[in-house]
Amino acid sequence: MIQGASDHQPAVSAAGAGTGGRKPLRIVVVDDNKDAAQTLSMLLEGEGYQVWTEFDARDALERAAARKADVYLLDIGLPEIDGLELARRLKSSLQPSQPMLVAVTGYGQQNDRAETRAAGFSHHLVKPVDPSELLAILEEI
C-alpha cells in the first residue's frame, strides 16, 4: 500500500528484506509526479524499506519535523519550494542528525549536479532511475 501525504504511517513489507537483516531504512520519497513517487515507493517497499511518500515540499518538511527518516529521495523540479531549497531546509532543520539526501531528477547536466552537491545532496540520480544503482546506494548506509 502506498502512503500519501496525509497518511503518516509507513508502508512496510518483508522485515529486513534487502537490508541484510538490519533494521530497515526509513525513506521519504518526495515527488510531485504521483505516478513516479508511487512507483519508486513500491520498489523500495518491495526491498523491505519503510517508505513514506510525499507529493510536495511543505508536507515533506512537516514529515521531517514529525518523524525521523534515514534517507530523503527528492525530486528537484518541485513546485513552490524546489528540491534544492527543500534540501537546504531539511539540512538546517534536522541538526544534529543528518539523513542522506539523494536527488532523483530529470536534470542531469554538469551544472545540475554541481547545484545538488552545493545544496547538500550525497548522490544525484537522473530519471528514470536505475533501480540497481539506487539500491546499491541504500545498501551502503
Protein backbone atom coordinates (compact mmCIF):
# COMPACT_ATOMS: atom_id res chain seq x y z
CA MET A 1 0.00 0.00 0.00
CA ILE A 2 1.35 3.42 -0.90
CA GLN A 3 1.12 6.12 1.69
CA GLY A 4 0.02 9.58 0.66
CA ALA A 5 0.92 12.94 2.06
CA SER A 6 -1.91 12.91 4.58
CA ASP A 7 -1.25 9.40 5.92
CA HIS A 8 1.66 9.32 8.33
CA GLN A 9 2.15 5.58 8.80
CA PRO A 10 4.89 3.83 6.83
CA ALA A 11 4.13 1.00 4.47
CA VAL A 12 6.31 -1.92 5.47
CA SER A 13 6.84 -5.15 3.60
CA ALA A 14 9.03 -8.13 4.43
CA ALA A 15 11.00 -7.06 7.50
CA GLY A 16 14.68 -6.78 6.80
CA ALA A 17 14.44 -7.87 3.15
CA GLY A 18 17.19 -6.21 1.18
CA THR A 19 18.74 -4.83 4.35
CA GLY A 20 20.97 -7.74 5.36
CA GLY A 21 18.86 -8.38 8.47
CA ARG A 22 19.45 -4.85 9.79
CA LYS A 23 16.62 -2.59 10.80
CA PRO A 24 15.16 -1.34 7.51
CA LEU A 25 16.00 2.21 6.49
CA ARG A 26 13.26 4.80 6.80
CA ILE A 27 12.96 6.56 3.45
CA VAL A 28 10.90 9.56 2.38
CA VAL A 29 10.18 9.89 -1.34
CA VAL A 30 9.24 13.44 -2.40
CA ASP A 31 7.99 13.96 -5.96
CA ASP A 32 5.06 15.96 -7.32
CA ASN A 33 4.64 13.35 -10.07
CA LYS A 34 2.42 10.94 -8.15
CA ASP A 35 2.98 8.02 -10.53
CA ALA A 36 6.75 8.37 -10.30
CA ALA A 37 6.65 8.72 -6.50
CA GLN A 38 4.39 5.73 -6.04
CA THR A 39 6.39 3.54 -8.41
CA LEU A 40 9.63 4.35 -6.62
CA SER A 41 7.97 3.79 -3.25
CA MET A 42 6.66 0.38 -4.33
CA LEU A 43 10.14 -0.64 -5.49
CA LEU A 44 11.64 0.33 -2.15
CA GLU A 45 8.87 -1.30 -0.13
CA GLY A 46 9.42 -4.50 -2.09
CA GLU A 47 13.03 -4.42 -0.90
CA GLY A 48 11.91 -4.17 2.73
CA TYR A 49 12.43 -0.47 3.37
CA GLN A 50 9.98 1.64 5.38
CA VAL A 51 8.73 4.24 2.93
CA TRP A 52 6.68 7.42 3.24
CA THR A 53 5.57 9.23 0.12
CA GLU A 54 5.05 12.98 -0.09
CA PHE A 55 3.91 14.94 -3.12
CA ASP A 56 5.08 18.42 -2.13
CA ALA A 57 7.89 20.06 -0.21
CA ARG A 58 5.75 21.54 2.58
CA ASP A 59 4.36 18.12 3.50
CA ALA A 60 7.90 16.73 3.42
CA LEU A 61 9.03 19.41 5.88
CA GLU A 62 6.13 18.55 8.19
CA ARG A 63 7.03 14.86 7.92
CA ALA A 64 10.65 15.64 8.81
CA ALA A 65 9.53 17.51 11.92
CA ALA A 66 7.25 14.65 13.00
CA ARG A 67 9.25 11.54 12.08
CA LYS A 68 12.91 10.75 11.68
CA ALA A 69 13.99 9.36 8.32
CA ASP A 70 17.35 7.97 7.26
CA VAL A 71 17.11 8.95 3.58
CA TYR A 72 15.23 11.55 1.55
CA LEU A 73 14.82 10.96 -2.18
CA LEU A 74 13.97 14.39 -3.55
CA ASP A 75 12.77 15.48 -6.96
CA ILE A 76 14.45 18.78 -7.86
CA GLY A 77 11.65 20.21 -10.02
CA LEU A 78 9.07 20.57 -7.25
CA PRO A 79 6.63 23.49 -7.45
CA GLU A 80 6.68 26.31 -4.86
CA ILE A 81 9.76 25.04 -2.97
CA ASP A 82 12.13 23.24 -5.33
CA GLY A 83 14.18 20.24 -4.28
CA LEU A 84 17.34 22.30 -3.82
CA GLU A 85 15.67 24.63 -1.33
CA LEU A 86 13.93 21.68 0.34
CA ALA A 87 17.33 20.04 0.82
CA ARG A 88 18.74 23.19 2.40
CA ARG A 89 15.78 23.45 4.78
CA LEU A 90 15.99 19.78 5.72
CA LYS A 91 19.74 20.07 6.39
CA SER A 92 19.23 23.08 8.67
CA SER A 93 16.15 21.79 10.49
CA LEU A 94 17.40 18.26 11.13
CA GLN A 95 20.57 19.23 13.01
CA PRO A 96 22.41 17.37 14.50
CA SER A 97 21.06 14.26 12.77
CA GLN A 98 21.78 14.39 9.06
CA PRO A 99 19.85 11.98 6.84
CA MET A 100 21.22 11.17 3.42
CA LEU A 101 19.77 13.30 0.62
CA VAL A 102 19.53 11.80 -2.86
CA ALA A 103 18.42 13.87 -5.85
CA VAL A 104 16.06 11.94 -8.12
CA THR A 105 15.54 14.26 -11.05
CA GLY A 106 15.20 14.77 -14.76
CA TYR A 107 18.02 17.34 -14.60
CA GLY A 108 21.32 15.68 -15.39
CA GLN A 109 23.69 18.33 -16.74
CA GLN A 110 27.01 19.02 -15.02
CA ASN A 111 25.73 22.32 -13.56
CA ASP A 112 22.66 20.48 -12.17
CA ARG A 113 24.95 18.03 -10.40
CA ALA A 114 27.03 20.89 -9.02
CA GLU A 115 23.88 22.56 -7.66
CA THR A 116 22.72 19.40 -5.90
CA ARG A 117 26.18 18.92 -4.34
CA ALA A 118 26.15 22.51 -3.12
CA ALA A 119 22.68 22.02 -1.61
CA GLY A 120 23.90 19.03 0.42
CA PHE A 121 22.92 16.02 -1.65
CA SER A 122 25.10 12.93 -1.36
CA HIS A 123 24.00 11.47 -4.70
CA HIS A 124 22.41 12.66 -7.94
CA LEU A 125 20.30 10.16 -9.91
CA VAL A 126 18.70 11.01 -13.24
CA LYS A 127 15.19 9.77 -14.06
CA PRO A 128 14.34 7.16 -14.98
CA VAL A 129 16.33 5.87 -12.04
CA ASP A 130 18.26 2.64 -12.47
CA PRO A 131 16.88 0.54 -9.57
CA SER A 132 20.15 -1.34 -9.10
CA GLU A 133 22.06 1.96 -8.77
CA LEU A 134 19.61 3.28 -6.16
CA LEU A 135 19.57 0.02 -4.21
CA ALA A 136 23.40 -0.08 -4.20
CA ILE A 137 23.44 3.41 -2.66
CA LEU A 138 20.95 2.37 0.01
CA GLU A 139 22.86 -0.82 0.82
CA GLU A 140 25.95 1.28 1.65
CA ILE A 141 24.14 3.03 4.51
